[in-house]
Amino acid sequence: MPKSETIVVLGYGAVGRATVQALIARGTPVRVAQRSRPADLPPAADFIACDVFDAASVRRAVEGAAQVVLSVGFVYDARVW
């Protein structure tokens, strides 16, 4: 399957939101992937539900994408970091 020009942005926090706005401003097709659809998602952006802890979910979300931007923020946990 040929890849599209779509860029998938995983996560829609501060970084994801700014990235999506910049991509839309330059006319790049963009798909936001996270657990729930953001209330303030721009009409020009596509959305797909995705759980980044589920590999199959991530594969579905990024299928056919030209690039992926990981902008997921994880809560600090001293046991992990």
PDB file of N, CA and C in Angstrom:
ATOM      1  N   MET A   1       0.847  -1.178   0.000  1.00  0.00           N
ATOM      2  CA  MET A   1       0.000   0.000   0.000  1.00  0.00           C
ATOM      3  C   MET A   1       0.894   1.244   0.000  1.00  0.00           C
ATOM      4  N   PRO A   2       0.701   2.148  -0.954  1.00  0.00           N
ATOM      5  CA  PRO A   2       1.508   3.367  -0.961  1.00  0.00           C
ATOM      6  C   PRO A   2       1.168   4.251   0.229  1.00  0.00           C
ATOM      7  N   LYS A   3       2.186   4.896   0.755  1.00  0.00           N
ATOM      8  CA  LYS A   3       1.974   5.766   1.907  1.00  0.00           C
ATOM      9  C   LYS A   3       1.374   7.091   1.465  1.00  0.00           C
ATOM     10  N   SER A   4       0.573   7.651   2.319  1.00  0.00           N
ATOM     11  CA  SER A   4      -0.021   8.952   2.056  1.00  0.00           C
ATOM     12  C   SER A   4       0.922  10.040   2.559  1.00  0.00           C
ATOM     13  N   GLU A   5       0.488  11.271   2.480  1.00  0.00           N
ATOM     14  CA  GLU A   5       1.253  12.391   3.033  1.00  0.00           C
ATOM     15  C   GLU A   5       0.830  12.685   4.467  1.00  0.00           C
ATOM     16  N   THR A   6      -0.104  11.904   4.987  1.00  0.00           N
ATOM     17  CA  THR A   6      -0.634  12.138   6.316  1.00  0.00           C
ATOM     18  C   THR A   6       0.425  11.941   7.389  1.00  0.00           C
ATOM     19  N   ILE A   7       0.439  12.864   8.341  1.00  0.00           N
ATOM     20  CA  ILE A   7       1.299  12.742   9.511  1.00  0.00           C
ATOM     21  C   ILE A   7       0.400  12.442  10.700  1.00  0.00           C
ATOM     22  N   VAL A   8       0.717  11.376  11.426  1.00  0.00           N
ATOM     23  CA  VAL A   8      -0.046  11.003  12.606  1.00  0.00           C
ATOM     24  C   VAL A   8       0.626  11.610  13.835  1.00  0.00           C
ATOM     25  N   VAL A   9      -0.170  12.281  14.656  1.00  0.00           N
ATOM     26  CA  VAL A   9       0.320  12.855  15.907  1.00  0.00           C
ATOM     27  C   VAL A   9      -0.287  12.043  17.044  1.00  0.00           C
ATOM     28  N   LEU A  10       0.580  11.328  17.777  1.00  0.00           N
ATOM     29  CA  LEU A  10       0.133  10.530  18.914  1.00  0.00           C
ATOM     30  C   LEU A  10       0.145  11.409  20.159  1.00  0.00           C
ATOM     31  N   GLY A  11      -1.017  11.768  20.627  1.00  0.00           N
ATOM     32  CA  GLY A  11      -1.156  12.629  21.805  1.00  0.00           C
ATOM     33  C   GLY A  11      -1.528  14.039  21.408  1.00  0.00           C
ATOM     34  N   TYR A  12      -2.399  14.654  22.201  1.00  0.00           N
ATOM     35  CA  TYR A  12      -2.902  15.993  21.869  1.00  0.00           C
ATOM     36  C   TYR A  12      -2.840  16.903  23.091  1.00  0.00           C
ATOM     37  N   GLY A  13      -1.711  16.832  23.796  1.00  0.00           N
ATOM     38  CA  GLY A  13      -1.468  17.774  24.887  1.00  0.00           C
ATOM     39  C   GLY A  13      -0.889  19.044  24.295  1.00  0.00           C
ATOM     40  N   ALA A  14      -0.118  19.775  25.068  1.00  0.00           N
ATOM     41  CA  ALA A  14       0.430  21.056  24.610  1.00  0.00           C
ATOM     42  C   ALA A  14       1.285  20.898  23.352  1.00  0.00           C
ATOM     43  N   VAL A  15       2.173  19.910  23.329  1.00  0.00           N
ATOM     44  CA  VAL A  15       3.046  19.715  22.173  1.00  0.00           C
ATOM     45  C   VAL A  15       2.256  19.196  20.974  1.00  0.00           C
ATOM     46  N   GLY A  16       1.404  18.215  21.197  1.00  0.00           N
ATOM     47  CA  GLY A  16       0.594  17.662  20.112  1.00  0.00           C
ATOM     48  C   GLY A  16      -0.315  18.705  19.491  1.00  0.00           C
ATOM     49  N   ARG A  17      -0.940  19.515  20.325  1.00  0.00           N
ATOM     50  CA  ARG A  17      -1.849  20.565  19.839  1.00  0.00           C
ATOM     51  C   ARG A  17      -1.093  21.560  18.959  1.00  0.00           C
ATOM     52  N   ALA A  18       0.068  22.019  19.416  1.00  0.00           N
ATOM     53  CA  ALA A  18       0.869  22.973  18.637  1.00  0.00           C
ATOM     54  C   ALA A  18       1.349  22.343  17.323  1.00  0.00           C
ATOM     55  N   THR A  19       1.717  21.079  17.375  1.00  0.00           N
ATOM     56  CA  THR A  19       2.172  20.368  16.175  1.00  0.00           C
ATOM     57  C   THR A  19       1.046  20.262  15.157  1.00  0.00           C
ATOM     58  N   VAL A  20      -0.132  19.875  15.615  1.00  0.00           N
ATOM     59  CA  VAL A  20      -1.287  19.756  14.731  1.00  0.00           C
ATOM     60  C   VAL A  20      -1.608  21.101  14.091  1.00  0.00           C
ATOM     61  N   GLN A  21      -1.623  22.162  14.866  1.00  0.00           N
ATOM     62  CA  GLN A  21      -1.910  23.499  14.323  1.00  0.00           C
ATOM     63  C   GLN A  21      -0.901  23.889  13.256  1.00  0.00           C
ATOM     64  N   ALA A  22       0.387  23.614  13.503  1.00  0.00           N
ATOM     65  CA  ALA A  22       1.429  23.954  12.528  1.00  0.00           C
ATOM     66  C   ALA A  22       1.275  23.140  11.241  1.00  0.00           C
ATOM     67  N   LEU A  23       0.966  21.855  11.382  1.00  0.00           N
ATOM     68  CA  LEU A  23       0.794  21.008  10.198  1.00  0.00           C
ATOM     69  C   LEU A  23      -0.406  21.444   9.374  1.00  0.00           C
ATOM     70  N   ILE A  24      -1.499  21.743  10.027  1.00  0.00           N
ATOM     71  CA  ILE A  24      -2.697  22.213   9.316  1.00  0.00           C
ATOM     72  C   ILE A  24      -2.403  23.529   8.606  1.00  0.00           C
ATOM     73  N   ALA A  25      -1.684  24.428   9.270  1.00  0.00           N
ATOM     74  CA  ALA A  25      -1.365  25.736   8.688  1.00  0.00           C
ATOM     75  C   ALA A  25      -0.552  25.599   7.399  1.00  0.00           C
ATOM     76  N   ARG A  26       0.262  24.561   7.304  1.00  0.00           N
ATOM     77  CA  ARG A  26       1.047  24.388   6.084  1.00  0.00           C
ATOM     78  C   ARG A  26       0.378  23.456   5.073  1.00  0.00           C
ATOM     79  N   GLY A  27      -0.842  23.016   5.402  1.00  0.00           N
ATOM     80  CA  GLY A  27      -1.629  22.215   4.461  1.00  0.00           C
ATOM     81  C   GLY A  27      -1.335  20.730   4.486  1.00  0.00           C
ATOM     82  N   THR A  28      -0.694  20.251   5.522  1.00  0.00           N
ATOM     83  CA  THR A  28      -0.359  18.830   5.638  1.00  0.00           C
ATOM     84  C   THR A  28      -1.529  18.066   6.237  1.00  0.00           C
ATOM     85  N   PRO A  29      -1.931  16.964   5.616  1.00  0.00           N
ATOM     86  CA  PRO A  29      -2.985  16.134   6.216  1.00  0.00           C
ATOM     87  C   PRO A  29      -2.491  15.581   7.551  1.00  0.00           C
ATOM     88  N   VAL A  30      -3.340  15.655   8.566  1.00  0.00           N
ATOM     89  CA  VAL A  30      -2.933  15.235   9.899  1.00  0.00           C
ATOM     90  C   VAL A  30      -4.017  14.384  10.548  1.00  0.00           C
ATOM     91  N   ARG A  31      -3.579  13.368  11.282  1.00  0.00           N
ATOM     92  CA  ARG A  31      -4.480  12.489  12.033  1.00  0.00           C
ATOM     93  C   ARG A  31      -4.017  12.473  13.480  1.00  0.00           C
ATOM     94  N   VAL A  32      -4.913  12.777  14.394  1.00  0.00           N
ATOM     95  CA  VAL A  32      -4.602  12.741  15.824  1.00  0.00           C
ATOM     96  C   VAL A  32      -5.032  11.388  16.366  1.00  0.00           C
ATOM     97  N   ALA A  33      -4.151  10.781  17.151  1.00  0.00           N
ATOM     98  CA  ALA A  33      -4.441   9.477  17.736  1.00  0.00           C
ATOM     99  C   ALA A  33      -4.227   9.550  19.238  1.00  0.00           C
ATOM    100  N   GLN A  34      -5.285   9.277  19.972  1.00  0.00           N
ATOM    101  CA  GLN A  34      -5.212   9.166  21.428  1.00  0.00           C
ATOM    102  C   GLN A  34      -6.478   8.464  21.892  1.00  0.00           C
ATOM    103  N   ARG A  35      -6.592   8.254  23.194  1.00  0.00           N
ATOM    104  CA  ARG A  35      -7.725   7.455  23.705  1.00  0.00           C
ATOM    105  C   ARG A  35      -9.086   8.050  23.389  1.00  0.00           C
ATOM    106  N   SER A  36      -9.231   9.347  23.567  1.00  0.00           N
ATOM    107  CA  SER A  36     -10.543   9.961  23.311  1.00  0.00           C
ATOM    108  C   SER A  36     -10.391  11.188  22.426  1.00  0.00           C
ATOM    109  N   ARG A  37     -11.432  11.474  21.671  1.00  0.00           N
ATOM    110  CA  ARG A  37     -11.421  12.598  20.731  1.00  0.00           C
ATOM    111  C   ARG A  37     -11.373  13.915  21.508  1.00  0.00           C
ATOM    112  N   PRO A  38     -10.393  14.773  21.198  1.00  0.00           N
ATOM    113  CA  PRO A  38     -10.311  16.067  21.879  1.00  0.00           C
ATOM    114  C   PRO A  38     -11.499  16.953  21.509  1.00  0.00           C
ATOM    115  N   ALA A  39     -12.052  17.640  22.486  1.00  0.00           N
ATOM    116  CA  ALA A  39     -13.192  18.525  22.243  1.00  0.00           C
ATOM    117  C   ALA A  39     -12.818  19.671  21.310  1.00  0.00           C
ATOM    118  N   ASP A  40     -11.544  20.080  21.346  1.00  0.00           N
ATOM    119  CA  ASP A  40     -11.110  21.216  20.539  1.00  0.00           C
ATOM    120  C   ASP A  40     -10.322  20.798  19.294  1.00  0.00           C
ATOM    121  N   LEU A  41     -10.544  19.575  18.814  1.00  0.00           N
ATOM    122  CA  LEU A  41      -9.859  19.097  17.616  1.00  0.00           C
ATOM    123  C   LEU A  41     -10.289  19.938  16.414  1.00  0.00           C
ATOM    124  N   PRO A  42      -9.336  20.501  15.674  1.00  0.00           N
ATOM    125  CA  PRO A  42      -9.705  21.312  14.512  1.00  0.00           C
ATOM    126  C   PRO A  42     -10.451  20.477  13.465  1.00  0.00           C
ATOM    127  N   PRO A  43     -11.396  21.083  12.760  1.00  0.00           N
ATOM    128  CA  PRO A  43     -12.152  20.343  11.737  1.00  0.00           C
ATOM    129  C   PRO A  43     -11.260  19.748  10.643  1.00  0.00           C
ATOM    130  N   ALA A  44     -10.109  20.342  10.398  1.00  0.00           N
ATOM    131  CA  ALA A  44      -9.217  19.853   9.345  1.00  0.00           C
ATOM    132  C   ALA A  44      -8.430  18.612   9.760  1.00  0.00           C
ATOM    133  N   ALA A  45      -8.465  18.250  11.026  1.00  0.00           N
ATOM    134  CA  ALA A  45      -7.713  17.089  11.513  1.00  0.00           C
ATOM    135  C   ALA A  45      -8.622  15.869  11.605  1.00  0.00           C
ATOM    136  N   ASP A  46      -8.076  14.719  11.205  1.00  0.00           N
ATOM    137  CA  ASP A  46      -8.775  13.452  11.402  1.00  0.00           C
ATOM    138  C   ASP A  46      -8.471  12.958  12.806  1.00  0.00           C
ATOM    139  N   PHE A  47      -9.287  12.020  13.263  1.00  0.00           N
ATOM    140  CA  PHE A  47      -9.074  11.437  14.591  1.00  0.00           C
ATOM    141  C   PHE A  47      -9.254   9.938  14.519  1.00  0.00           C
ATOM    142  N   ILE A  48      -8.420   9.233  15.291  1.00  0.00           N
ATOM    143  CA  ILE A  48      -8.593   7.796  15.481  1.00  0.00           C
ATOM    144  C   ILE A  48      -8.299   7.477  16.947  1.00  0.00           C
ATOM    145  N   ALA A  49      -9.167   6.686  17.545  1.00  0.00           N
ATOM    146  CA  ALA A  49      -8.947   6.278  18.933  1.00  0.00           C
ATOM    147  C   ALA A  49      -7.759   5.323  18.988  1.00  0.00           C
ATOM    148  N   CYS A  50      -6.892   5.524  19.975  1.00  0.00           N
ATOM    149  CA  CYS A  50      -5.668   4.733  20.074  1.00  0.00           C
ATOM    150  C   CYS A  50      -5.200   4.701  21.521  1.00  0.00           C
ATOM    151  N   ASP A  51      -4.800   3.538  21.965  1.00  0.00           N
ATOM    152  CA  ASP A  51      -4.186   3.375  23.282  1.00  0.00           C
ATOM    153  C   ASP A  51      -2.712   3.047  23.041  1.00  0.00           C
ATOM    154  N   VAL A  52      -1.804   3.945  23.398  1.00  0.00           N
ATOM    155  CA  VAL A  52      -0.379   3.739  23.098  1.00  0.00           C
ATOM    156  C   VAL A  52       0.224   2.551  23.837  1.00  0.00           C
ATOM    157  N   PHE A  53      -0.485   2.006  24.803  1.00  0.00           N
ATOM    158  CA  PHE A  53      -0.015   0.811  25.502  1.00  0.00           C
ATOM    159  C   PHE A  53      -0.454  -0.473  24.809  1.00  0.00           C
ATOM    160  N   ASP A  54      -1.167  -0.342  23.697  1.00  0.00           N
ATOM    161  CA  ASP A  54      -1.665  -1.483  22.932  1.00  0.00           C
ATOM    162  C   ASP A  54      -1.047  -1.423  21.532  1.00  0.00           C
ATOM    163  N   ALA A  55      -0.104  -2.312  21.258  1.00  0.00           N
ATOM    164  CA  ALA A  55       0.634  -2.284  19.986  1.00  0.00           C
ATOM    165  C   ALA A  55      -0.284  -2.366  18.771  1.00  0.00           C
ATOM    166  N   ALA A  56      -1.308  -3.195  18.830  1.00  0.00           N
ATOM    167  CA  ALA A  56      -2.223  -3.327  17.693  1.00  0.00           C
ATOM    168  C   ALA A  56      -2.972  -2.019  17.451  1.00  0.00           C
ATOM    169  N   SER A  57      -3.332  -1.347  18.514  1.00  0.00           N
ATOM    170  CA  SER A  57      -4.015  -0.066  18.410  1.00  0.00           C
ATOM    171  C   SER A  57      -3.120   0.984  17.746  1.00  0.00           C
ATOM    172  N   VAL A  58      -1.857   0.990  18.123  1.00  0.00           N
ATOM    173  CA  VAL A  58      -0.897   1.933  17.527  1.00  0.00           C
ATOM    174  C   VAL A  58      -0.680   1.611  16.051  1.00  0.00           C
ATOM    175  N   ARG A  59      -0.545   0.333  15.728  1.00  0.00           N
ATOM    176  CA  ARG A  59      -0.375  -0.053  14.317  1.00  0.00           C
ATOM    177  C   ARG A  59      -1.549   0.425  13.474  1.00  0.00           C
ATOM    178  N   ARG A  60      -2.778   0.276  13.974  1.00  0.00           N
ATOM    179  CA  ARG A  60      -3.962   0.752  13.244  1.00  0.00           C
ATOM    180  C   ARG A  60      -3.914   2.266  13.071  1.00  0.00           C
ATOM    181  N   ALA A  61      -3.518   2.967  14.114  1.00  0.00           N
ATOM    182  CA  ALA A  61      -3.519   4.433  14.086  1.00  0.00           C
ATOM    183  C   ALA A  61      -2.518   4.997  13.086  1.00  0.00           C
ATOM    184  N   VAL A  62      -1.387   4.333  12.920  1.00  0.00           N
ATOM    185  CA  VAL A  62      -0.334   4.865  12.053  1.00  0.00           C
ATOM    186  C   VAL A  62      -0.320   4.228  10.664  1.00  0.00           C
ATOM    187  N   GLU A  63      -1.226   3.322  10.404  1.00  0.00           N
ATOM    188  CA  GLU A  63      -1.264   2.633   9.118  1.00  0.00           C
ATOM    189  C   GLU A  63      -1.346   3.633   7.966  1.00  0.00           C
ATOM    190  N   GLY A  64      -0.437   3.507   7.028  1.00  0.00           N
ATOM    191  CA  GLY A  64      -0.442   4.345   5.836  1.00  0.00           C
ATOM    192  C   GLY A  64       0.125   5.737   6.027  1.00  0.00           C
ATOM    193  N   ALA A  65       0.583   6.058   7.219  1.00  0.00           N
ATOM    194  CA  ALA A  65       1.098   7.406   7.490  1.00  0.00           C
ATOM    195  C   ALA A  65       2.479   7.599   6.881  1.00  0.00           C
ATOM    196  N   ALA A  66       2.761   8.823   6.476  1.00  0.00           N
ATOM    197  CA  ALA A  66       4.088   9.171   5.970  1.00  0.00           C
ATOM    198  C   ALA A  66       5.064   9.318   7.127  1.00  0.00           C
ATOM    199  N   GLN A  67       4.585   9.889   8.230  1.00  0.00           N
ATOM    200  CA  GLN A  67       5.415  10.119   9.410  1.00  0.00           C
ATOM    201  C   GLN A  67       4.546  10.031  10.652  1.00  0.00           C
ATOM    202  N   VAL A  68       5.223   9.836  11.782  1.00  0.00           N
ATOM    203  CA  VAL A  68       4.537   9.797  13.074  1.00  0.00           C
ATOM    204  C   VAL A  68       5.263  10.728  14.033  1.00  0.00           C
ATOM    205  N   VAL A  69       4.495  11.530  14.751  1.00  0.00           N
ATOM    206  CA  VAL A  69       5.044  12.408  15.778  1.00  0.00           C
ATOM    207  C   VAL A  69       4.560  11.878  17.123  1.00  0.00           C
ATOM    208  N   LEU A  70       5.486  11.519  17.994  1.00  0.00           N
ATOM    209  CA  LEU A  70       5.132  11.027  19.325  1.00  0.00           C
ATOM    210  C   LEU A  70       5.151  12.204  20.290  1.00  0.00           C
ATOM    211  N   SER A  71       3.978  12.605  20.728  1.00  0.00           N
ATOM    212  CA  SER A  71       3.877  13.740  21.658  1.00  0.00           C
ATOM    213  C   SER A  71       3.099  13.347  22.903  1.00  0.00           C
ATOM    214  N   VAL A  72       3.205  12.081  23.251  1.00  0.00           N
ATOM    215  CA  VAL A  72       2.518  11.550  24.425  1.00  0.00           C
ATOM    216  C   VAL A  72       3.309  11.947  25.674  1.00  0.00           C
ATOM    217  N   GLY A  73       2.611  12.457  26.647  1.00  0.00           N
ATOM    218  CA  GLY A  73       3.253  12.788  27.916  1.00  0.00           C
ATOM    219  C   GLY A  73       2.925  11.725  28.950  1.00  0.00           C
ATOM    220  N   PHE A  74       3.964  11.211  29.584  1.00  0.00           N
ATOM    221  CA  PHE A  74       3.758  10.218  30.627  1.00  0.00           C
ATOM    222  C   PHE A  74       3.962  10.863  31.992  1.00  0.00           C
ATOM    223  N   VAL A  75       3.165  10.452  32.937  1.00  0.00           N
ATOM    224  CA  VAL A  75       3.277  10.955  34.297  1.00  0.00           C
ATOM    225  C   VAL A  75       4.609  10.503  34.883  1.00  0.00           C
ATOM    226  N   TYR A  76       5.281  11.403  35.573  1.00  0.00           N
ATOM    227  CA  TYR A  76       6.558  11.052  36.215  1.00  0.00           C
ATOM    228  C   TYR A  76       6.311  10.045  37.321  1.00  0.00           C
ATOM    229  N   ASP A  77       7.078   8.978  37.318  1.00  0.00           N
ATOM    230  CA  ASP A  77       7.009   7.956  38.358  1.00  0.00           C
ATOM    231  C   ASP A  77       8.446   7.545  38.677  1.00  0.00           C
ATOM    232  N   ALA A  78       8.905   7.844  39.876  1.00  0.00           N
ATOM    233  CA  ALA A  78      10.283   7.566  40.249  1.00  0.00           C
ATOM    234  C   ALA A  78      10.650   6.094  40.111  1.00  0.00           C
ATOM    235  N   ARG A  79       9.676   5.191  40.203  1.00  0.00           N
ATOM    236  CA  ARG A  79       9.960   3.771  40.052  1.00  0.00           C
ATOM    237  C   ARG A  79      10.372   3.449  38.618  1.00  0.00           C
ATOM    238  N   VAL A  80       9.897   4.241  37.669  1.00  0.00           N
ATOM    239  CA  VAL A  80      10.188   4.000  36.260  1.00  0.00           C
ATOM    240  C   VAL A  80      11.389   4.820  35.820  1.00  0.00           C
ATOM    241  N   TRP A  81      11.417   6.087  36.174  1.00  0.00           N
ATOM    242  CA  TRP A  81      12.458   6.988  35.685  1.00  0.00           C
ATOM    243  C   TRP A  81      13.646   6.940  36.596  1.00  0.00           C
TER     244      TRP A  81
END
